[in-house]
Amino acid sequence: MITVKTIVEATKACTKMKDKFEFLGVTTDSRGVKPGELFVALKGENFDGHSYCAMALESGAAGVLVENPMDLPEDKVLIVQDTLVAYQEIAHAYRKSMKNVKVVAITGSNGKTSTKDLVAACLATKFKVIKTEANFNNEIGLPKTLLNIRPDTEIAVVEMGMRGLGQIRALKTLAEPNVVVITNVGETHMELLGSLKNIAKAKSEILEDLLPENTAILNGDDYYVSHMKTGAKIVTYGIITKNIVQGSEIKISETGTSFTYTSLITGARGSIDLPLFGEHNVMNALAAIAVGETFGISVENIKKALNNAKLTEKRQQILHFGSVTAINDAYNASPASMEAAFKTLRQLFNAQGRGRSIAVLADMLELGENSKDAHARVGRFAAEAGTNLIITYGEEAKYISSEAAKLGVRVIHCKNGKEAAVELKNNLKEYDIVLFKGSHSMAVDKVIDMVFDK
């Protein structure tokens, strides 16, 4: 897969290993190391991979990349100043060596992972595709994805997340994407960046230094994204403003969302029956259509991919427990994704035509000084959606309940998720539809397990 010589040239590592020796893979997980792989000893706040180097070698690792040699065999060690930087440099060198592989990079405040899944599904109808696993979209996850490229890989679909300025730029440099997608600009990471303008600036780093042979696929309905500049060819998508890939005739049913799209890329027109709910998923699908058409995917294959789409778990995952429907959207939360979730809840409730709509909500994190107002807005979203009952827990989520209560919604605020589960059990009735949502660390999905004994 990658030779010692390539690694030394990329990282300036010191080693007694032979230049021509070829590692069969690169891993940072000592528990899953495979024979012939290079184990990279990363360090974090609560762990140090150097402690597991001997174990990795015993498990068959052909070598270890470390910052200090310790008591390890000299002919198995590559020494660098910083193992994380070296890991990234190895991934970049490997990506550059795969000259025929195209990279599609996706960023945005919301919808990155769902868009990635839909893009990969469309492209996989014609090409050998790999994609970011789960949401491994940071300075460790992106190199992991790039190092998963295989000799027969034709396209890699990668997700790029950030928590501050400069981070998307660094990830873009690693991946060298041919096509980029920006889904939207929202309030996620407001605590760290301070304003939507700064968040937009951070996201737009993915557009820097792109050339006319590159393609930038941009949300034409998003004010900040639609005003971004780049040297790449621009393809816009949306359902409100006039776009190159345009969605219309959106209808929500108990089984998903149908819509029609027209494309100025190829002149195509298609009808999609998406097994997902909500206008936000239509937007994600339109981005996938734009990418698909950029790579020459036919209307028939786009329809086939989207009509059978499956998303990463905990992203508006529909679960059925007898007559009760649960919407597991518990992976993460922001004001924009909360608004989209309540629209979906209302549309699904209207399509079902019976029962009640309920929401179990927890804190949205990293909103800084805007947190109180942002949570209050969620209370208003809930009221506007006609939600029958809201159950909340968390210090910030109390502002959701208080605002919703002012607007006439029945609310129950709880100390923790366990109490929220008890309250939901006590209030649940046949044919209820329940939305579960909050930031990842609030573990709202555990409430589902407690209520329905999963």
Protein backbone atom coordinates (compact mmCIF):
# COMPACT_ATOMS: atom_id res chain seq x y z
CA MET A 1 0.00 0.00 0.00
CA ILE A 2 2.66 2.54 1.06
CA THR A 3 6.44 2.18 1.30
CA VAL A 4 8.84 3.24 4.02
CA LYS A 5 10.50 5.52 1.48
CA THR A 6 7.25 7.38 0.79
CA ILE A 7 6.60 7.79 4.51
CA VAL A 8 10.12 9.09 5.18
CA GLU A 9 9.87 11.57 2.30
CA ALA A 10 6.49 12.81 3.56
CA THR A 11 7.28 13.00 7.29
CA LYS A 12 11.10 13.24 7.53
CA ALA A 13 10.95 10.22 9.83
CA CYS A 14 14.13 8.61 11.16
CA THR A 15 14.22 4.83 10.78
CA LYS A 16 16.40 1.80 10.16
CA MET A 17 13.66 0.10 8.14
CA LYS A 18 14.42 -0.60 4.48
CA ASP A 19 13.14 1.97 1.98
CA LYS A 20 11.44 -0.62 -0.21
CA PHE A 21 9.45 -2.23 2.60
CA GLU A 22 5.74 -1.80 1.93
CA PHE A 23 3.12 -1.54 4.66
CA LEU A 24 -0.22 -3.17 3.88
CA GLY A 25 -2.17 -0.46 5.72
CA VAL A 26 -2.00 2.31 8.30
CA THR A 27 -3.97 2.31 11.55
CA THR A 28 -4.24 4.28 14.79
CA ASP A 29 -6.21 1.57 16.61
CA SER A 30 -4.00 -0.97 18.38
CA ARG A 31 -7.05 -3.15 19.07
CA GLY A 32 -7.77 -3.66 15.39
CA VAL A 33 -4.27 -3.73 13.94
CA LYS A 34 -3.80 -6.23 11.09
CA PRO A 35 -0.62 -8.08 10.10
CA GLY A 36 1.62 -5.96 7.92
CA GLU A 37 0.15 -2.60 8.94
CA LEU A 38 1.87 0.49 10.33
CA PHE A 39 0.59 1.49 13.76
CA VAL A 40 0.61 5.26 14.39
CA ALA A 41 0.89 6.15 18.09
CA LEU A 42 -1.34 9.21 18.43
CA LYS A 43 -1.57 11.13 21.69
CA GLY A 44 -4.62 12.84 23.19
CA GLU A 45 -5.80 14.36 26.44
CA ASN A 46 -6.80 11.00 27.88
CA PHE A 47 -4.69 8.49 25.97
CA ASP A 48 -1.22 7.87 24.55
CA GLY A 49 -0.83 5.41 21.72
CA HIS A 50 2.82 4.91 22.67
CA SER A 51 1.60 2.70 25.51
CA TYR A 52 0.18 0.25 22.97
CA CYS A 53 3.09 -0.04 20.52
CA ALA A 54 4.36 -3.33 21.93
CA MET A 55 0.83 -4.76 21.79
CA ALA A 56 0.47 -3.62 18.17
CA LEU A 57 3.73 -5.34 17.20
CA GLU A 58 2.64 -8.52 18.98
CA SER A 59 -0.60 -8.39 16.97
CA GLY A 60 1.32 -8.33 13.71
CA ALA A 61 2.05 -4.67 13.01
CA ALA A 62 5.03 -4.42 10.68
CA GLY A 63 6.15 -1.14 12.23
CA VAL A 64 5.21 1.68 14.60
CA LEU A 65 5.34 5.44 14.07
CA VAL A 66 6.32 7.14 17.33
CA GLU A 67 7.70 10.33 18.84
CA ASN A 68 10.19 8.42 21.00
CA PRO A 69 11.60 4.92 20.42
CA MET A 70 11.18 3.58 23.98
CA ASP A 71 12.24 -0.10 24.24
CA LEU A 72 11.03 -1.16 20.82
CA PRO A 73 12.90 -3.12 18.12
CA GLU A 74 14.99 -0.66 16.08
CA ASP A 75 14.02 -2.27 12.80
CA LYS A 76 10.30 -1.71 13.51
CA VAL A 77 10.32 1.96 14.45
CA LEU A 78 9.86 5.23 12.55
CA ILE A 79 10.49 8.32 14.70
CA VAL A 80 8.85 11.70 14.02
CA GLN A 81 8.39 14.94 15.96
CA ASP A 82 4.57 14.83 15.99
CA THR A 83 2.66 11.64 15.18
CA LEU A 84 -0.60 13.44 14.34
CA VAL A 85 1.10 15.73 11.84
CA ALA A 86 2.97 12.74 10.41
CA TYR A 87 -0.29 10.75 10.13
CA GLN A 88 -1.78 13.60 8.11
CA GLU A 89 1.34 13.86 5.93
CA ILE A 90 1.21 10.13 5.21
CA ALA A 91 -2.46 10.39 4.23
CA HIS A 92 -1.75 13.36 1.98
CA ALA A 93 1.15 11.59 0.27
CA TYR A 94 -0.97 8.50 -0.24
CA ARG A 95 -3.86 10.53 -1.67
CA LYS A 96 -1.45 12.25 -4.11
CA SER A 97 -0.07 8.88 -5.20
CA MET A 98 -3.58 7.76 -6.23
CA LYS A 99 -3.64 10.07 -9.23
CA ASN A 100 -6.76 8.63 -10.85
CA VAL A 101 -8.91 8.97 -7.73
CA LYS A 102 -11.32 11.91 -7.59
CA VAL A 103 -12.25 13.40 -4.22
CA VAL A 104 -15.60 14.98 -3.36
CA ALA A 105 -15.40 17.03 -0.14
CA ILE A 106 -18.50 18.11 1.78
CA THR A 107 -18.77 20.72 4.52
CA GLY A 108 -21.51 22.85 6.08
CA SER A 109 -23.12 23.52 9.44
CA ASN A 110 -25.87 20.92 8.99
CA GLY A 111 -26.52 18.00 6.68
CA LYS A 112 -22.92 17.01 5.96
CA THR A 113 -23.25 13.35 6.87
CA SER A 114 -26.65 12.85 5.22
CA THR A 115 -25.44 14.60 2.07
CA LYS A 116 -22.30 12.45 2.09
CA ASP A 117 -24.42 9.30 2.26
CA LEU A 118 -26.65 10.42 -0.63
CA VAL A 119 -23.73 11.58 -2.78
CA ALA A 120 -21.91 8.28 -2.26
CA ALA A 121 -25.08 6.32 -3.11
CA CYS A 122 -25.50 8.17 -6.42
CA LEU A 123 -21.85 7.83 -7.42
CA ALA A 124 -21.72 4.14 -6.46
CA THR A 125 -24.17 3.32 -9.27
CA LYS A 126 -21.30 3.88 -11.73
CA PHE A 127 -18.02 4.06 -9.81
CA LYS A 128 -16.04 2.29 -7.08
CA VAL A 129 -16.63 4.63 -4.15
CA ILE A 130 -15.42 4.94 -0.57
CA LYS A 131 -16.85 7.43 1.92
CA THR A 132 -16.20 8.84 5.37
CA GLU A 133 -17.34 6.34 8.00
CA ALA A 134 -19.98 7.71 10.40
CA ASN A 135 -18.90 11.36 10.82
CA PHE A 136 -15.12 10.91 11.07
CA ASN A 137 -14.63 14.37 9.63
CA ASN A 138 -11.78 15.94 11.62
CA GLU A 139 -7.97 16.01 11.58
CA ILE A 140 -7.87 12.30 12.51
CA GLY A 141 -10.97 11.05 10.69
CA LEU A 142 -10.13 12.54 7.29
CA PRO A 143 -6.69 10.88 7.07
CA LYS A 144 -8.34 7.60 8.08
CA THR A 145 -10.74 7.90 5.12
CA LEU A 146 -8.01 8.83 2.65
CA LEU A 147 -5.93 5.85 3.79
CA ASN A 148 -8.92 3.60 3.04
CA ILE A 149 -8.54 4.34 -0.67
CA ARG A 150 -7.74 1.13 -2.53
CA PRO A 151 -6.21 0.49 -5.97
CA ASP A 152 -9.68 0.05 -7.52
CA THR A 153 -11.19 3.14 -5.83
CA GLU A 154 -12.38 5.73 -8.32
CA ILE A 155 -14.04 8.34 -6.06
CA ALA A 156 -13.63 9.16 -2.37
CA VAL A 157 -16.48 11.10 -0.73
CA VAL A 158 -15.18 12.84 2.38
CA GLU A 159 -16.80 14.96 5.05
CA MET A 160 -15.04 17.96 6.59
CA GLY A 161 -15.99 19.42 9.96
CA MET A 162 -14.49 22.29 11.88
CA ARG A 163 -14.52 24.10 15.20
CA GLY A 164 -12.56 27.20 14.18
CA LEU A 165 -10.92 29.22 11.45
CA GLY A 166 -8.17 27.53 9.46
CA GLN A 167 -9.35 23.97 10.09
CA ILE A 168 -11.27 23.45 6.83
CA ARG A 169 -8.29 24.92 4.97
CA ALA A 170 -6.01 22.34 6.58
CA LEU A 171 -8.37 19.47 5.75
CA LYS A 172 -8.78 20.66 2.17
CA THR A 173 -5.00 20.70 1.79
CA LEU A 174 -4.86 17.06 2.90
CA ALA A 175 -7.62 15.85 0.58
CA GLU A 176 -7.02 18.02 -2.53
CA PRO A 177 -10.68 17.71 -3.61
CA ASN A 178 -11.85 17.90 -7.21
CA VAL A 179 -15.45 18.70 -6.28
CA VAL A 180 -16.65 20.47 -3.13
CA VAL A 181 -20.11 20.87 -1.60
CA ILE A 182 -21.22 23.45 0.99
CA THR A 183 -24.60 22.56 2.47
CA ASN A 184 -25.34 25.68 4.57
CA VAL A 185 -24.13 28.11 7.22
CA GLY A 186 -25.79 27.88 10.64
CA GLU A 187 -25.19 28.60 14.29
CA THR A 188 -23.23 25.45 15.13
CA HIS A 189 -19.93 26.47 16.81
CA MET A 190 -21.18 29.99 17.45
CA GLU A 191 -19.50 29.78 20.87
CA LEU A 192 -16.11 29.44 19.18
CA LEU A 193 -16.54 31.66 16.12
CA GLY A 194 -18.83 34.37 17.46
CA SER A 195 -20.90 35.17 14.37
CA LEU A 196 -22.51 33.67 11.27
CA LYS A 197 -20.14 35.76 9.21
CA ASN A 198 -17.15 34.06 10.80
CA ILE A 199 -18.76 30.62 10.43
CA ALA A 200 -19.29 31.36 6.72
CA LYS A 201 -15.66 32.49 6.45
CA ALA A 202 -14.50 29.21 8.01
CA LYS A 203 -16.68 27.09 5.72
CA SER A 204 -15.61 29.03 2.61
CA GLU A 205 -11.99 27.95 3.14
CA ILE A 206 -12.89 24.81 1.19
CA LEU A 207 -13.25 27.03 -1.91
CA GLU A 208 -9.79 28.56 -1.73
CA ASP A 209 -7.38 27.99 -4.62
CA LEU A 210 -9.87 25.96 -6.65
CA LEU A 211 -9.44 26.11 -10.42
CA PRO A 212 -11.93 26.24 -13.31
CA GLU A 213 -11.59 22.46 -13.74
CA ASN A 214 -12.91 22.03 -10.19
CA THR A 215 -16.61 22.23 -9.33
CA ALA A 216 -18.16 23.95 -6.32
CA ILE A 217 -21.70 22.82 -5.54
CA LEU A 218 -23.37 25.46 -3.39
CA ASN A 219 -26.70 25.84 -1.61
CA GLY A 220 -28.29 28.63 -3.62
CA ASP A 221 -31.02 29.15 -1.00
CA ASP A 222 -28.53 29.94 1.78
CA TYR A 223 -27.61 33.64 1.93
CA TYR A 224 -24.04 33.14 3.09
CA VAL A 225 -23.23 30.18 0.85
CA SER A 226 -24.75 31.75 -2.26
CA HIS A 227 -22.51 34.81 -1.85
CA MET A 228 -19.25 32.85 -1.60
CA LYS A 229 -16.59 33.37 -4.27
CA THR A 230 -14.34 30.77 -5.88
CA GLY A 231 -12.29 30.10 -8.97
CA ALA A 232 -14.13 26.82 -9.55
CA LYS A 233 -17.15 26.23 -11.75
CA ILE A 234 -20.21 26.94 -9.58
CA VAL A 235 -23.33 24.77 -9.56
CA THR A 236 -26.14 25.93 -7.27
CA TYR A 237 -29.02 23.87 -5.93
CA GLY A 238 -32.17 24.73 -4.01
CA ILE A 239 -35.96 24.89 -3.84
CA ILE A 240 -36.64 28.60 -3.22
CA THR A 241 -34.37 30.74 -5.39
CA LYS A 242 -33.56 30.03 -9.03
CA ASN A 243 -30.82 27.39 -9.20
CA ILE A 244 -28.98 25.18 -11.65
CA VAL A 245 -30.41 22.09 -9.94
CA GLN A 246 -33.92 22.98 -8.85
CA GLY A 247 -36.32 21.02 -6.65
CA SER A 248 -40.09 21.45 -6.73
CA GLU A 249 -43.43 19.69 -6.16
CA ILE A 250 -42.41 18.47 -2.71
CA LYS A 251 -44.88 16.14 -0.99
CA ILE A 252 -44.55 14.41 2.40
CA SER A 253 -46.24 11.07 3.10
CA GLU A 254 -46.00 8.38 5.77
CA THR A 255 -43.32 6.64 3.72
CA GLY A 256 -41.07 9.57 2.82
CA THR A 257 -40.77 12.62 0.59
CA SER A 258 -41.40 12.86 -3.14
CA PHE A 259 -40.15 15.73 -5.30
CA THR A 260 -39.30 16.67 -8.85
CA TYR A 261 -35.99 18.12 -9.98
CA THR A 262 -34.80 19.85 -13.10
CA SER A 263 -31.15 20.32 -13.98
CA LEU A 264 -29.46 22.85 -16.22
CA ILE A 265 -26.29 20.72 -16.12
CA THR A 266 -27.76 18.07 -18.43
CA GLY A 267 -31.28 19.33 -19.09
CA ALA A 268 -32.62 16.33 -17.18
CA ARG A 269 -35.88 16.19 -15.26
CA GLY A 270 -36.62 13.47 -12.75
CA SER A 271 -39.12 12.44 -10.09
CA ILE A 272 -37.72 11.11 -6.81
CA ASP A 273 -39.44 9.10 -4.08
CA LEU A 274 -37.03 9.64 -1.21
CA PRO A 275 -37.52 7.26 1.76
CA LEU A 276 -36.56 10.16 4.05
CA PHE A 277 -38.59 12.97 5.56
CA GLY A 278 -38.47 16.74 5.22
CA GLU A 279 -37.45 19.55 2.93
CA HIS A 280 -33.94 19.53 4.40
CA ASN A 281 -33.47 16.01 3.03
CA VAL A 282 -34.72 17.23 -0.35
CA MET A 283 -31.92 19.82 -0.19
CA ASN A 284 -29.40 17.09 0.67
CA ALA A 285 -30.70 15.02 -2.24
CA LEU A 286 -30.42 17.97 -4.64
CA ALA A 287 -26.76 18.36 -3.66
CA ALA A 288 -26.29 14.66 -4.41
CA ILE A 289 -28.02 15.06 -7.77
CA ALA A 290 -25.70 17.96 -8.63
CA VAL A 291 -22.64 15.87 -7.76
CA GLY A 292 -24.03 12.87 -9.62
CA GLU A 293 -24.68 14.84 -12.80
CA THR A 294 -21.22 16.42 -12.55
CA PHE A 295 -19.82 12.87 -12.76
CA GLY A 296 -22.18 11.77 -15.53
CA ILE A 297 -24.62 9.68 -13.48
CA SER A 298 -27.82 9.04 -15.46
CA VAL A 299 -31.29 10.10 -14.35
CA GLU A 300 -32.22 6.43 -13.97
CA ASN A 301 -29.29 5.71 -11.68
CA ILE A 302 -29.86 8.86 -9.63
CA LYS A 303 -33.48 7.82 -9.11
CA LYS A 304 -32.45 4.28 -8.20
CA ALA A 305 -29.91 5.50 -5.64
CA LEU A 306 -32.12 8.10 -3.99
CA ASN A 307 -35.27 5.96 -4.00
CA ASN A 308 -33.32 3.40 -1.92
CA ALA A 309 -31.31 5.81 0.19
CA LYS A 310 -30.17 4.94 3.69
CA LEU A 311 -28.56 7.39 6.09
CA THR A 312 -26.07 6.98 8.91
CA GLU A 313 -27.94 6.03 12.09
CA LYS A 314 -29.52 8.62 14.41
CA ARG A 315 -30.21 11.06 11.62
CA GLN A 316 -34.01 11.18 11.34
CA GLN A 317 -34.08 7.41 11.59
CA ILE A 318 -37.72 6.27 11.63
CA LEU A 319 -38.45 3.53 14.16
CA HIS A 320 -41.77 1.80 14.82
CA PHE A 321 -42.80 0.38 18.18
CA GLY A 322 -46.29 -1.01 17.70
CA SER A 323 -48.47 1.93 16.67
CA VAL A 324 -45.93 4.47 18.00
CA THR A 325 -43.46 6.11 15.61
CA ALA A 326 -40.12 7.41 16.87
CA ILE A 327 -37.91 9.83 14.93
CA ASN A 328 -34.35 9.20 16.14
CA ASP A 329 -32.57 12.42 15.22
CA ALA A 330 -30.37 12.31 18.29
CA TYR A 331 -26.89 12.44 16.77
CA ASN A 332 -26.56 16.19 17.07
CA ALA A 333 -28.54 19.42 17.18
CA SER A 334 -28.40 23.06 16.17
CA PRO A 335 -31.14 25.70 15.80
CA ALA A 336 -31.36 25.06 12.05
CA SER A 337 -31.57 21.29 12.39
CA MET A 338 -34.14 21.67 15.19
CA GLU A 339 -36.30 23.82 12.91
CA ALA A 340 -36.02 21.23 10.14
CA ALA A 341 -36.85 18.43 12.58
CA PHE A 342 -40.04 20.15 13.74
CA LYS A 343 -41.13 20.70 10.15
CA THR A 344 -40.62 16.99 9.56
CA LEU A 345 -42.53 16.11 12.74
CA ARG A 346 -45.47 18.22 11.66
CA GLN A 347 -45.47 16.87 8.12
CA LEU A 348 -45.28 13.27 9.31
CA PHE A 349 -48.07 13.90 11.83
CA ASN A 350 -50.27 15.47 9.13
CA ALA A 351 -49.58 12.55 6.79
CA GLN A 352 -50.53 10.02 9.48
CA GLY A 353 -53.70 11.90 10.37
CA ARG A 354 -54.07 10.60 13.93
CA GLY A 355 -52.28 10.40 17.26
CA ARG A 356 -50.24 13.24 18.75
CA SER A 357 -46.87 14.88 18.06
CA ILE A 358 -44.38 14.79 20.94
CA ALA A 359 -40.77 15.98 21.19
CA VAL A 360 -38.11 14.85 23.66
CA LEU A 361 -35.38 17.48 23.54
CA ALA A 362 -32.06 18.15 25.27
CA ASP A 363 -29.43 20.88 25.17
CA MET A 364 -27.84 22.21 21.98
CA LEU A 365 -24.20 22.83 22.85
CA GLU A 366 -21.50 25.26 21.64
CA LEU A 367 -23.88 28.18 21.09
CA GLY A 368 -22.11 30.58 23.45
CA GLU A 369 -23.89 33.75 24.52
CA ASN A 370 -26.64 33.03 21.97
CA SER A 371 -27.63 29.81 23.72
CA LYS A 372 -30.61 31.12 25.70
CA ASP A 373 -32.15 32.85 22.69
CA ALA A 374 -31.43 29.86 20.42
CA HIS A 375 -33.16 27.45 22.78
CA ALA A 376 -36.12 29.81 23.14
CA ARG A 377 -36.44 29.83 19.35
CA VAL A 378 -36.72 26.05 19.42
CA GLY A 379 -39.66 26.48 21.78
CA ARG A 380 -41.26 28.71 19.17
CA PHE A 381 -40.52 26.16 16.41
CA ALA A 382 -42.32 23.56 18.52
CA ALA A 383 -45.35 25.78 19.01
CA GLU A 384 -45.51 26.72 15.33
CA ALA A 385 -45.42 23.02 14.45
CA GLY A 386 -48.44 22.38 16.67
CA THR A 387 -46.53 19.99 18.93
CA ASN A 388 -48.81 18.48 21.58
CA LEU A 389 -46.20 17.74 24.26
CA ILE A 390 -42.57 18.68 24.84
CA ILE A 391 -40.35 16.86 27.32
CA THR A 392 -36.95 18.47 27.92
CA TYR A 393 -33.87 17.92 30.06
CA GLY A 394 -30.61 19.83 30.48
CA GLU A 395 -29.70 23.30 31.76
CA GLU A 396 -30.19 25.01 28.41
CA ALA A 397 -33.24 23.03 27.29
CA LYS A 398 -35.30 24.61 30.06
CA TYR A 399 -35.48 27.69 27.83
CA ILE A 400 -37.18 25.54 25.17
CA SER A 401 -39.84 24.50 27.66
CA SER A 402 -40.40 27.95 29.12
CA GLU A 403 -40.84 29.57 25.70
CA ALA A 404 -43.11 26.80 24.41
CA ALA A 405 -45.22 26.97 27.58
CA LYS A 406 -45.79 30.70 27.02
CA LEU A 407 -47.20 29.80 23.61
CA GLY A 408 -49.62 27.23 24.99
CA VAL A 409 -47.68 24.00 24.49
CA ARG A 410 -47.84 21.42 27.26
CA VAL A 411 -44.29 20.98 28.60
CA ILE A 412 -42.47 18.81 31.14
CA HIS A 413 -38.91 19.73 32.11
CA CYS A 414 -36.84 16.95 33.69
CA LYS A 415 -33.59 16.69 35.61
CA ASN A 416 -32.04 14.15 33.26
CA GLY A 417 -32.68 11.66 30.48
CA LYS A 418 -33.79 8.92 32.86
CA GLU A 419 -36.55 11.14 34.27
CA ALA A 420 -37.51 12.18 30.73
CA ALA A 421 -37.89 8.50 29.81
CA VAL A 422 -40.22 7.93 32.76
CA GLU A 423 -42.35 10.94 31.82
CA LEU A 424 -42.59 9.85 28.21
CA LYS A 425 -43.62 6.33 29.24
CA ASN A 426 -46.32 7.75 31.48
CA ASN A 427 -47.69 10.01 28.73
CA LEU A 428 -47.35 7.85 25.63
CA LYS A 429 -50.51 6.81 23.75
CA GLU A 430 -51.28 4.81 20.63
CA TYR A 431 -50.29 6.38 17.27
CA ASP A 432 -48.11 9.05 18.89
CA ILE A 433 -45.16 10.33 16.84
CA VAL A 434 -42.14 11.21 18.99
CA LEU A 435 -39.13 13.27 17.93
CA PHE A 436 -35.90 12.68 19.87
CA LYS A 437 -33.20 15.34 19.44
CA GLY A 438 -30.30 17.03 21.22
CA SER A 439 -26.53 17.41 21.05
CA HIS A 440 -24.63 14.13 20.88
CA SER A 441 -23.24 14.27 24.42
CA MET A 442 -26.78 14.65 25.83
CA ALA A 443 -27.42 11.00 24.79
CA VAL A 444 -31.05 11.48 23.77
CA ASP A 445 -30.93 8.14 21.93
CA LYS A 446 -30.56 6.45 25.32
CA VAL A 447 -34.04 7.74 26.19
CA ILE A 448 -35.37 5.71 23.25
CA ASP A 449 -33.68 2.62 24.66
CA MET A 450 -35.15 3.22 28.12
CA VAL A 451 -38.68 3.87 26.87
CA PHE A 452 -38.93 1.09 24.33
CA ASP A 453 -36.57 -1.42 26.01
CA LYS A 454 -34.34 -1.62 22.94
